[in-house]
Amino acid sequence: MMRILIGLPLLALAACNVENDAANDQMTLTYNQERIEEGVSDVANATEDAASSIGNVAASTGQAIRNEVGDIDIDVNVDRNRSGNAN
């Protein structure tokens, strides 16, 4: 999430147009809202894809572990046999 927040100013920068008029000593900065919205949409889609991929990796890893380990039966004897005591 933090990386997305760091990238938002870059999206805004990519969506701006800078015109420098040196003859009149003026600079014009305009933002293209459509380009910003497209950039945010692209970031949201990439984030969704990444989250989906992480979920898929976690599920396949869990299945691989389950396949490798299988079911384990453990039989624990809790009776205590001290020397001199017979069970």
PDB file of N, CA and C in Angstrom:
ATOM      1  N   MET A   1       0.829  -1.189   0.000  1.00  0.00           N
ATOM      2  CA  MET A   1       0.000   0.000   0.000  1.00  0.00           C
ATOM      3  C   MET A   1       0.874   1.254   0.000  1.00  0.00           C
ATOM      4  N   MET A   2       1.952   1.204   0.770  1.00  0.00           N
ATOM      5  CA  MET A   2       2.818   2.373   0.855  1.00  0.00           C
ATOM      6  C   MET A   2       3.466   2.672  -0.490  1.00  0.00           C
ATOM      7  N   ARG A   3       3.797   1.645  -1.220  1.00  0.00           N
ATOM      8  CA  ARG A   3       4.418   1.857  -2.533  1.00  0.00           C
ATOM      9  C   ARG A   3       3.457   2.527  -3.493  1.00  0.00           C
ATOM     10  N   ILE A   4       2.175   2.214  -3.355  1.00  0.00           N
ATOM     11  CA  ILE A   4       1.173   2.855  -4.219  1.00  0.00           C
ATOM     12  C   ILE A   4       1.116   4.338  -3.909  1.00  0.00           C
ATOM     13  N   LEU A   5       1.146   4.689  -2.617  1.00  0.00           N
ATOM     14  CA  LEU A   5       1.090   6.092  -2.232  1.00  0.00           C
ATOM     15  C   LEU A   5       2.308   6.859  -2.724  1.00  0.00           C
ATOM     16  N   ILE A   6       3.444   6.186  -2.764  1.00  0.00           N
ATOM     17  CA  ILE A   6       4.647   6.830  -3.274  1.00  0.00           C
ATOM     18  C   ILE A   6       4.518   7.075  -4.780  1.00  0.00           C
ATOM     19  N   GLY A   7       3.826   6.184  -5.473  1.00  0.00           N
ATOM     20  CA  GLY A   7       3.690   6.297  -6.918  1.00  0.00           C
ATOM     21  C   GLY A   7       2.650   7.299  -7.382  1.00  0.00           C
ATOM     22  N   LEU A   8       1.729   7.701  -6.506  1.00  0.00           N
ATOM     23  CA  LEU A   8       0.669   8.620  -6.930  1.00  0.00           C
ATOM     24  C   LEU A   8       1.207   9.973  -7.422  1.00  0.00           C
ATOM     25  N   PRO A   9       2.183  10.573  -6.751  1.00  0.00           N
ATOM     26  CA  PRO A   9       2.725  11.823  -7.317  1.00  0.00           C
ATOM     27  C   PRO A   9       3.343  11.627  -8.697  1.00  0.00           C
ATOM     28  N   LEU A  10       3.908  10.454  -8.930  1.00  0.00           N
ATOM     29  CA  LEU A  10       4.468  10.187 -10.256  1.00  0.00           C
ATOM     30  C   LEU A  10       3.370  10.116 -11.307  1.00  0.00           C
ATOM     31  N   LEU A  11       2.207   9.565 -10.919  1.00  0.00           N
ATOM     32  CA  LEU A  11       1.079   9.544 -11.846  1.00  0.00           C
ATOM     33  C   LEU A  11       0.620  10.963 -12.164  1.00  0.00           C
ATOM     34  N   ALA A  12       0.562  11.795 -11.143  1.00  0.00           N
ATOM     35  CA  ALA A  12       0.161  13.183 -11.354  1.00  0.00           C
ATOM     36  C   ALA A  12       1.172  13.903 -12.248  1.00  0.00           C
ATOM     37  N   LEU A  13       2.445  13.639 -12.015  1.00  0.00           N
ATOM     38  CA  LEU A  13       3.481  14.260 -12.832  1.00  0.00           C
ATOM     39  C   LEU A  13       3.383  13.796 -14.285  1.00  0.00           C
ATOM     40  N   ALA A  14       3.085  12.532 -14.493  1.00  0.00           N
ATOM     41  CA  ALA A  14       2.966  12.007 -15.853  1.00  0.00           C
ATOM     42  C   ALA A  14       1.753  12.576 -16.571  1.00  0.00           C
ATOM     43  N   ALA A  15       0.760  13.027 -15.815  1.00  0.00           N
ATOM     44  CA  ALA A  15      -0.467  13.521 -16.411  1.00  0.00           C
ATOM     45  C   ALA A  15      -0.466  15.034 -16.589  1.00  0.00           C
ATOM     46  N   CYS A  16       0.643  15.668 -16.315  1.00  0.00           N
ATOM     47  CA  CYS A  16       0.662  17.121 -16.473  1.00  0.00           C
ATOM     48  C   CYS A  16       1.426  17.507 -17.731  1.00  0.00           C
ATOM     49  N   ASN A  17       1.034  18.650 -18.251  1.00  0.00           N
ATOM     50  CA  ASN A  17       1.689  19.212 -19.426  1.00  0.00           C
ATOM     51  C   ASN A  17       2.316  20.534 -19.007  1.00  0.00           C
ATOM     52  N   VAL A  18       3.562  20.719 -19.304  1.00  0.00           N
ATOM     53  CA  VAL A  18       4.264  21.949 -18.969  1.00  0.00           C
ATOM     54  C   VAL A  18       4.648  22.644 -20.266  1.00  0.00           C
ATOM     55  N   GLU A  19       4.243  23.910 -20.367  1.00  0.00           N
ATOM     56  CA  GLU A  19       4.607  24.722 -21.528  1.00  0.00           C
ATOM     57  C   GLU A  19       5.412  25.907 -21.023  1.00  0.00           C
ATOM     58  N   ASN A  20       6.586  26.058 -21.567  1.00  0.00           N
ATOM     59  CA  ASN A  20       7.467  27.136 -21.149  1.00  0.00           C
ATOM     60  C   ASN A  20       7.570  28.147 -22.278  1.00  0.00           C
ATOM     61  N   ASP A  21       7.147  29.367 -22.010  1.00  0.00           N
ATOM     62  CA  ASP A  21       7.222  30.457 -22.987  1.00  0.00           C
ATOM     63  C   ASP A  21       8.333  31.397 -22.533  1.00  0.00           C
ATOM     64  N   ALA A  22       9.525  31.149 -23.007  1.00  0.00           N
ATOM     65  CA  ALA A  22      10.685  31.932 -22.576  1.00  0.00           C
ATOM     66  C   ALA A  22      10.590  33.383 -23.032  1.00  0.00           C
ATOM     67  N   ALA A  23       9.941  33.624 -24.170  1.00  0.00           N
ATOM     68  CA  ALA A  23       9.844  34.989 -24.690  1.00  0.00           C
ATOM     69  C   ALA A  23       9.033  35.872 -23.756  1.00  0.00           C
ATOM     70  N   ASN A  24       7.985  35.327 -23.169  1.00  0.00           N
ATOM     71  CA  ASN A  24       7.132  36.095 -22.261  1.00  0.00           C
ATOM     72  C   ASN A  24       7.429  35.784 -20.795  1.00  0.00           C
ATOM     73  N   ASP A  25       8.455  34.981 -20.532  1.00  0.00           N
ATOM     74  CA  ASP A  25       8.843  34.592 -19.178  1.00  0.00           C
ATOM     75  C   ASP A  25       7.646  33.986 -18.426  1.00  0.00           C
ATOM     76  N   GLN A  26       6.966  33.057 -19.092  1.00  0.00           N
ATOM     77  CA  GLN A  26       5.793  32.398 -18.497  1.00  0.00           C
ATOM     78  C   GLN A  26       5.923  30.888 -18.605  1.00  0.00           C
ATOM     79  N   MET A  27       5.326  30.238 -17.650  1.00  0.00           N
ATOM     80  CA  MET A  27       5.249  28.789 -17.667  1.00  0.00           C
ATOM     81  C   MET A  27       3.803  28.409 -17.395  1.00  0.00           C
ATOM     82  N   THR A  28       3.281  27.457 -18.175  1.00  0.00           N
ATOM     83  CA  THR A  28       1.902  27.010 -17.998  1.00  0.00           C
ATOM     84  C   THR A  28       1.929  25.531 -17.640  1.00  0.00           C
ATOM     85  N   LEU A  29       1.234  25.212 -16.567  1.00  0.00           N
ATOM     86  CA  LEU A  29       1.156  23.828 -16.095  1.00  0.00           C
ATOM     87  C   LEU A  29      -0.302  23.412 -16.118  1.00  0.00           C
ATOM     88  N   THR A  30      -0.619  22.371 -16.875  1.00  0.00           N
ATOM     89  CA  THR A  30      -2.002  21.883 -16.938  1.00  0.00           C
ATOM     90  C   THR A  30      -2.015  20.392 -16.628  1.00  0.00           C
ATOM     91  N   TYR A  31      -3.085  19.967 -15.974  1.00  0.00           N
ATOM     92  CA  TYR A  31      -3.275  18.548 -15.656  1.00  0.00           C
ATOM     93  C   TYR A  31      -4.356  17.980 -16.541  1.00  0.00           C
ATOM     94  N   ASN A  32      -4.114  16.763 -16.998  1.00  0.00           N
ATOM     95  CA  ASN A  32      -5.099  16.057 -17.797  1.00  0.00           C
ATOM     96  C   ASN A  32      -5.783  15.042 -16.892  1.00  0.00           C
ATOM     97  N   GLN A  33      -7.007  15.350 -16.477  1.00  0.00           N
ATOM     98  CA  GLN A  33      -7.717  14.503 -15.526  1.00  0.00           C
ATOM     99  C   GLN A  33      -7.954  13.099 -16.083  1.00  0.00           C
ATOM    100  N   GLU A  34      -8.195  12.996 -17.362  1.00  0.00           N
ATOM    101  CA  GLU A  34      -8.424  11.681 -17.974  1.00  0.00           C
ATOM    102  C   GLU A  34      -7.184  10.800 -17.856  1.00  0.00           C
ATOM    103  N   ARG A  35      -6.003  11.383 -18.070  1.00  0.00           N
ATOM    104  CA  ARG A  35      -4.764  10.616 -17.938  1.00  0.00           C
ATOM    105  C   ARG A  35      -4.532  10.200 -16.493  1.00  0.00           C
ATOM    106  N   ILE A  36      -4.893  11.067 -15.534  1.00  0.00           N
ATOM    107  CA  ILE A  36      -4.761  10.717 -14.121  1.00  0.00           C
ATOM    108  C   ILE A  36      -5.682   9.556 -13.782  1.00  0.00           C
ATOM    109  N   GLU A  37      -6.936   9.639 -14.220  1.00  0.00           N
ATOM    110  CA  GLU A  37      -7.900   8.570 -13.944  1.00  0.00           C
ATOM    111  C   GLU A  37      -7.466   7.252 -14.575  1.00  0.00           C
ATOM    112  N   GLU A  38      -6.929   7.303 -15.781  1.00  0.00           N
ATOM    113  CA  GLU A  38      -6.436   6.089 -16.431  1.00  0.00           C
ATOM    114  C   GLU A  38      -5.260   5.507 -15.659  1.00  0.00           C
ATOM    115  N   GLY A  39      -4.381   6.372 -15.198  1.00  0.00           N
ATOM    116  CA  GLY A  39      -3.231   5.907 -14.421  1.00  0.00           C
ATOM    117  C   GLY A  39      -3.652   5.266 -13.115  1.00  0.00           C
ATOM    118  N   VAL A  40      -4.602   5.876 -12.422  1.00  0.00           N
ATOM    119  CA  VAL A  40      -5.107   5.312 -11.165  1.00  0.00           C
ATOM    120  C   VAL A  40      -5.797   3.985 -11.434  1.00  0.00           C
ATOM    121  N   SER A  41      -6.546   3.918 -12.527  1.00  0.00           N
ATOM    122  CA  SER A  41      -7.210   2.666 -12.890  1.00  0.00           C
ATOM    123  C   SER A  41      -6.189   1.570 -13.192  1.00  0.00           C
ATOM    124  N   ASP A  42      -5.120   1.933 -13.890  1.00  0.00           N
ATOM    125  CA  ASP A  42      -4.058   0.961 -14.192  1.00  0.00           C
ATOM    126  C   ASP A  42      -3.392   0.459 -12.915  1.00  0.00           C
ATOM    127  N   VAL A  43      -3.140   1.377 -11.974  1.00  0.00           N
ATOM    128  CA  VAL A  43      -2.525   0.989 -10.706  1.00  0.00           C
ATOM    129  C   VAL A  43      -3.460   0.075  -9.926  1.00  0.00           C
ATOM    130  N   ALA A  44      -4.759   0.405  -9.914  1.00  0.00           N
ATOM    131  CA  ALA A  44      -5.731  -0.435  -9.209  1.00  0.00           C
ATOM    132  C   ALA A  44      -5.797  -1.823  -9.828  1.00  0.00           C
ATOM    133  N   ASN A  45      -5.778  -1.898 -11.140  1.00  0.00           N
ATOM    134  CA  ASN A  45      -5.800  -3.199 -11.814  1.00  0.00           C
ATOM    135  C   ASN A  45      -4.539  -3.998 -11.524  1.00  0.00           C
ATOM    136  N   ALA A  46      -3.397  -3.324 -11.537  1.00  0.00           N
ATOM    137  CA  ALA A  46      -2.142  -4.018 -11.241  1.00  0.00           C
ATOM    138  C   ALA A  46      -2.121  -4.522  -9.804  1.00  0.00           C
ATOM    139  N   THR A  47      -2.657  -3.713  -8.887  1.00  0.00           N
ATOM    140  CA  THR A  47      -2.720  -4.124  -7.487  1.00  0.00           C
ATOM    141  C   THR A  47      -3.638  -5.320  -7.315  1.00  0.00           C
ATOM    142  N   GLU A  48      -4.759  -5.308  -7.993  1.00  0.00           N
ATOM    143  CA  GLU A  48      -5.697  -6.438  -7.930  1.00  0.00           C
ATOM    144  C   GLU A  48      -5.058  -7.705  -8.503  1.00  0.00           C
ATOM    145  N   ASP A  49      -4.359  -7.556  -9.613  1.00  0.00           N
ATOM    146  CA  ASP A  49      -3.680  -8.708 -10.218  1.00  0.00           C
ATOM    147  C   ASP A  49      -2.602  -9.264  -9.287  1.00  0.00           C
ATOM    148  N   ALA A  50      -1.852  -8.361  -8.655  1.00  0.00           N
ATOM    149  CA  ALA A  50      -0.799  -8.803  -7.743  1.00  0.00           C
ATOM    150  C   ALA A  50      -1.393  -9.530  -6.542  1.00  0.00           C
ATOM    151  N   ALA A  51      -2.482  -8.990  -5.992  1.00  0.00           N
ATOM    152  CA  ALA A  51      -3.125  -9.638  -4.843  1.00  0.00           C
ATOM    153  C   ALA A  51      -3.677 -11.005  -5.235  1.00  0.00           C
ATOM    154  N   SER A  52      -4.244 -11.104  -6.416  1.00  0.00           N
ATOM    155  CA  SER A  52      -4.760 -12.374  -6.898  1.00  0.00           C
ATOM    156  C   SER A  52      -3.625 -13.381  -7.081  1.00  0.00           C
ATOM    157  N   SER A  53      -2.515 -12.922  -7.625  1.00  0.00           N
ATOM    158  CA  SER A  53      -1.366 -13.809  -7.815  1.00  0.00           C
ATOM    159  C   SER A  53      -0.811 -14.299  -6.485  1.00  0.00           C
ATOM    160  N   ILE A  54      -0.752 -13.405  -5.507  1.00  0.00           N
ATOM    161  CA  ILE A  54      -0.270 -13.801  -4.181  1.00  0.00           C
ATOM    162  C   ILE A  54      -1.193 -14.840  -3.578  1.00  0.00           C
ATOM    163  N   GLY A  55      -2.503 -14.644  -3.730  1.00  0.00           N
ATOM    164  CA  GLY A  55      -3.467 -15.625  -3.230  1.00  0.00           C
ATOM    165  C   GLY A  55      -3.304 -16.970  -3.912  1.00  0.00           C
ATOM    166  N   ASN A  56      -3.076 -16.941  -5.212  1.00  0.00           N
ATOM    167  CA  ASN A  56      -2.887 -18.193  -5.953  1.00  0.00           C
ATOM    168  C   ASN A  56      -1.615 -18.911  -5.511  1.00  0.00           C
ATOM    169  N   VAL A  57      -0.549 -18.166  -5.284  1.00  0.00           N
ATOM    170  CA  VAL A  57       0.703 -18.774  -4.830  1.00  0.00           C
ATOM    171  C   VAL A  57       0.518 -19.382  -3.448  1.00  0.00           C
ATOM    172  N   ALA A  58      -0.172 -18.664  -2.567  1.00  0.00           N
ATOM    173  CA  ALA A  58      -0.405 -19.189  -1.217  1.00  0.00           C
ATOM    174  C   ALA A  58      -1.233 -20.471  -1.267  1.00  0.00           C
ATOM    175  N   ALA A  59      -2.260 -20.485  -2.110  1.00  0.00           N
ATOM    176  CA  ALA A  59      -3.099 -21.682  -2.219  1.00  0.00           C
ATOM    177  C   ALA A  59      -2.315 -22.856  -2.796  1.00  0.00           C
ATOM    178  N   SER A  60      -1.530 -22.606  -3.841  1.00  0.00           N
ATOM    179  CA  SER A  60      -0.777 -23.706  -4.445  1.00  0.00           C
ATOM    180  C   SER A  60       0.332 -24.193  -3.512  1.00  0.00           C
ATOM    181  N   THR A  61       0.914 -23.284  -2.732  1.00  0.00           N
ATOM    182  CA  THR A  61       1.932 -23.689  -1.767  1.00  0.00           C
ATOM    183  C   THR A  61       1.311 -24.553  -0.678  1.00  0.00           C
ATOM    184  N   GLY A  62       0.147 -24.146  -0.199  1.00  0.00           N
ATOM    185  CA  GLY A  62      -0.557 -24.949   0.805  1.00  0.00           C
ATOM    186  C   GLY A  62      -0.893 -26.329   0.286  1.00  0.00           C
ATOM    187  N   GLN A  63      -1.336 -26.401  -0.956  1.00  0.00           N
ATOM    188  CA  GLN A  63      -1.669 -27.696  -1.556  1.00  0.00           C
ATOM    189  C   GLN A  63      -0.416 -28.543  -1.724  1.00  0.00           C
ATOM    190  N   ALA A  64       0.695 -27.925  -2.125  1.00  0.00           N
ATOM    191  CA  ALA A  64       1.954 -28.672  -2.293  1.00  0.00           C
ATOM    192  C   ALA A  64       2.432 -29.227  -0.956  1.00  0.00           C
ATOM    193  N   ILE A  65       2.303 -28.428   0.091  1.00  0.00           N
ATOM    194  CA  ILE A  65       2.693 -28.918   1.420  1.00  0.00           C
ATOM    195  C   ILE A  65       1.790 -30.060   1.841  1.00  0.00           C
ATOM    196  N   ARG A  66       0.499 -29.917   1.608  1.00  0.00           N
ATOM    197  CA  ARG A  66      -0.456 -30.973   1.958  1.00  0.00           C
ATOM    198  C   ARG A  66      -0.140 -32.251   1.187  1.00  0.00           C
ATOM    199  N   ASN A  67       0.213 -32.108  -0.093  1.00  0.00           N
ATOM    200  CA  ASN A  67       0.542 -33.282  -0.902  1.00  0.00           C
ATOM    201  C   ASN A  67       1.835 -33.943  -0.429  1.00  0.00           C
ATOM    202  N   GLU A  68       2.807 -33.144  -0.032  1.00  0.00           N
ATOM    203  CA  GLU A  68       4.092 -33.681   0.395  1.00  0.00           C
ATOM    204  C   GLU A  68       3.998 -34.344   1.761  1.00  0.00           C
ATOM    205  N   VAL A  69       3.349 -33.684   2.688  1.00  0.00           N
ATOM    206  CA  VAL A  69       3.283 -34.177   4.057  1.00  0.00           C
ATOM    207  C   VAL A  69       2.210 -35.244   4.203  1.00  0.00           C
ATOM    208  N   GLY A  70       1.082 -35.023   3.593  1.00  0.00           N
ATOM    209  CA  GLY A  70      -0.029 -35.967   3.714  1.00  0.00           C
ATOM    210  C   GLY A  70      -0.624 -35.938   5.113  1.00  0.00           C
ATOM    211  N   ASP A  71      -1.346 -36.949   5.449  1.00  0.00           N
ATOM    212  CA  ASP A  71      -1.931 -37.061   6.782  1.00  0.00           C
ATOM    213  C   ASP A  71      -0.952 -37.782   7.688  1.00  0.00           C
ATOM    214  N   ILE A  72      -0.776 -37.271   8.855  1.00  0.00           N
ATOM    215  CA  ILE A  72       0.130 -37.872   9.817  1.00  0.00           C
ATOM    216  C   ILE A  72      -0.684 -38.302  11.027  1.00  0.00           C
ATOM    217  N   ASP A  73      -0.579 -39.578  11.371  1.00  0.00           N
ATOM    218  CA  ASP A  73      -1.220 -40.093  12.575  1.00  0.00           C
ATOM    219  C   ASP A  73      -0.163 -40.200  13.659  1.00  0.00           C
ATOM    220  N   ILE A  74      -0.480 -39.643  14.787  1.00  0.00           N
ATOM    221  CA  ILE A  74       0.450 -39.696  15.914  1.00  0.00           C
ATOM    222  C   ILE A  74      -0.261 -40.399  17.057  1.00  0.00           C
ATOM    223  N   ASP A  75       0.380 -41.440  17.583  1.00  0.00           N
ATOM    224  CA  ASP A  75      -0.153 -42.186  18.716  1.00  0.00           C
ATOM    225  C   ASP A  75       0.736 -41.876  19.913  1.00  0.00           C
ATOM    226  N   VAL A  76       0.158 -41.239  20.902  1.00  0.00           N
ATOM    227  CA  VAL A  76       0.929 -40.836  22.072  1.00  0.00           C
ATOM    228  C   VAL A  76       0.471 -41.661  23.257  1.00  0.00           C
ATOM    229  N   ASN A  77       1.426 -42.306  23.908  1.00  0.00           N
ATOM    230  CA  ASN A  77       1.144 -43.087  25.101  1.00  0.00           C
ATOM    231  C   ASN A  77       1.429 -42.195  26.305  1.00  0.00           C
ATOM    232  N   VAL A  78       0.381 -41.890  27.069  1.00  0.00           N
ATOM    233  CA  VAL A  78       0.546 -40.986  28.199  1.00  0.00           C
ATOM    234  C   VAL A  78       0.668 -41.734  29.529  1.00  0.00           C
ATOM    235  N   ASP A  79       0.646 -43.066  29.462  1.00  0.00           N
ATOM    236  CA  ASP A  79       0.854 -43.845  30.693  1.00  0.00           C
ATOM    237  C   ASP A  79       2.301 -43.728  31.099  1.00  0.00           C
ATOM    238  N   ARG A  80       2.492 -43.619  32.381  1.00  0.00           N
ATOM    239  CA  ARG A  80       3.847 -43.452  32.885  1.00  0.00           C
ATOM    240  C   ARG A  80       4.292 -44.758  33.528  1.00  0.00           C
ATOM    241  N   ASN A  81       5.437 -45.238  33.159  1.00  0.00           N
ATOM    242  CA  ASN A  81       5.955 -46.477  33.698  1.00  0.00           C
ATOM    243  C   ASN A  81       7.267 -46.168  34.410  1.00  0.00           C
ATOM    244  N   ARG A  82       7.184 -45.987  35.708  1.00  0.00           N
ATOM    245  CA  ARG A  82       8.406 -45.746  36.478  1.00  0.00           C
ATOM    246  C   ARG A  82       9.037 -47.089  36.829  1.00  0.00           C
ATOM    247  N   SER A  83      10.291 -47.032  37.061  1.00  0.00           N
ATOM    248  CA  SER A  83      10.954 -48.267  37.419  1.00  0.00           C
ATOM    249  C   SER A  83      10.351 -48.833  38.706  1.00  0.00           C
ATOM    250  N   GLY A  84      10.056 -50.121  38.673  1.00  0.00           N
ATOM    251  CA  GLY A  84       9.434 -50.778  39.830  1.00  0.00           C
ATOM    252  C   GLY A  84       7.931 -50.836  39.746  1.00  0.00           C
ATOM    253  N   ASN A  85       7.318 -50.063  38.825  1.00  0.00           N
ATOM    254  CA  ASN A  85       5.855 -50.108  38.659  1.00  0.00           C
ATOM    255  C   ASN A  85       5.553 -50.847  37.360  1.00  0.00           C
ATOM    256  N   ALA A  86       4.677 -51.756  37.432  1.00  0.00           N
ATOM    257  CA  ALA A  86       4.282 -52.489  36.243  1.00  0.00           C
ATOM    258  C   ALA A  86       2.895 -52.045  35.822  1.00  0.00           C
ATOM    259  N   ASN A  87       2.708 -51.901  34.545  1.00  0.00           N
ATOM    260  CA  ASN A  87       1.381 -51.551  34.022  1.00  0.00           C
ATOM    261  C   ASN A  87       0.668 -52.772  33.525  1.00  0.00           C
TER     262      ASN A  87
END
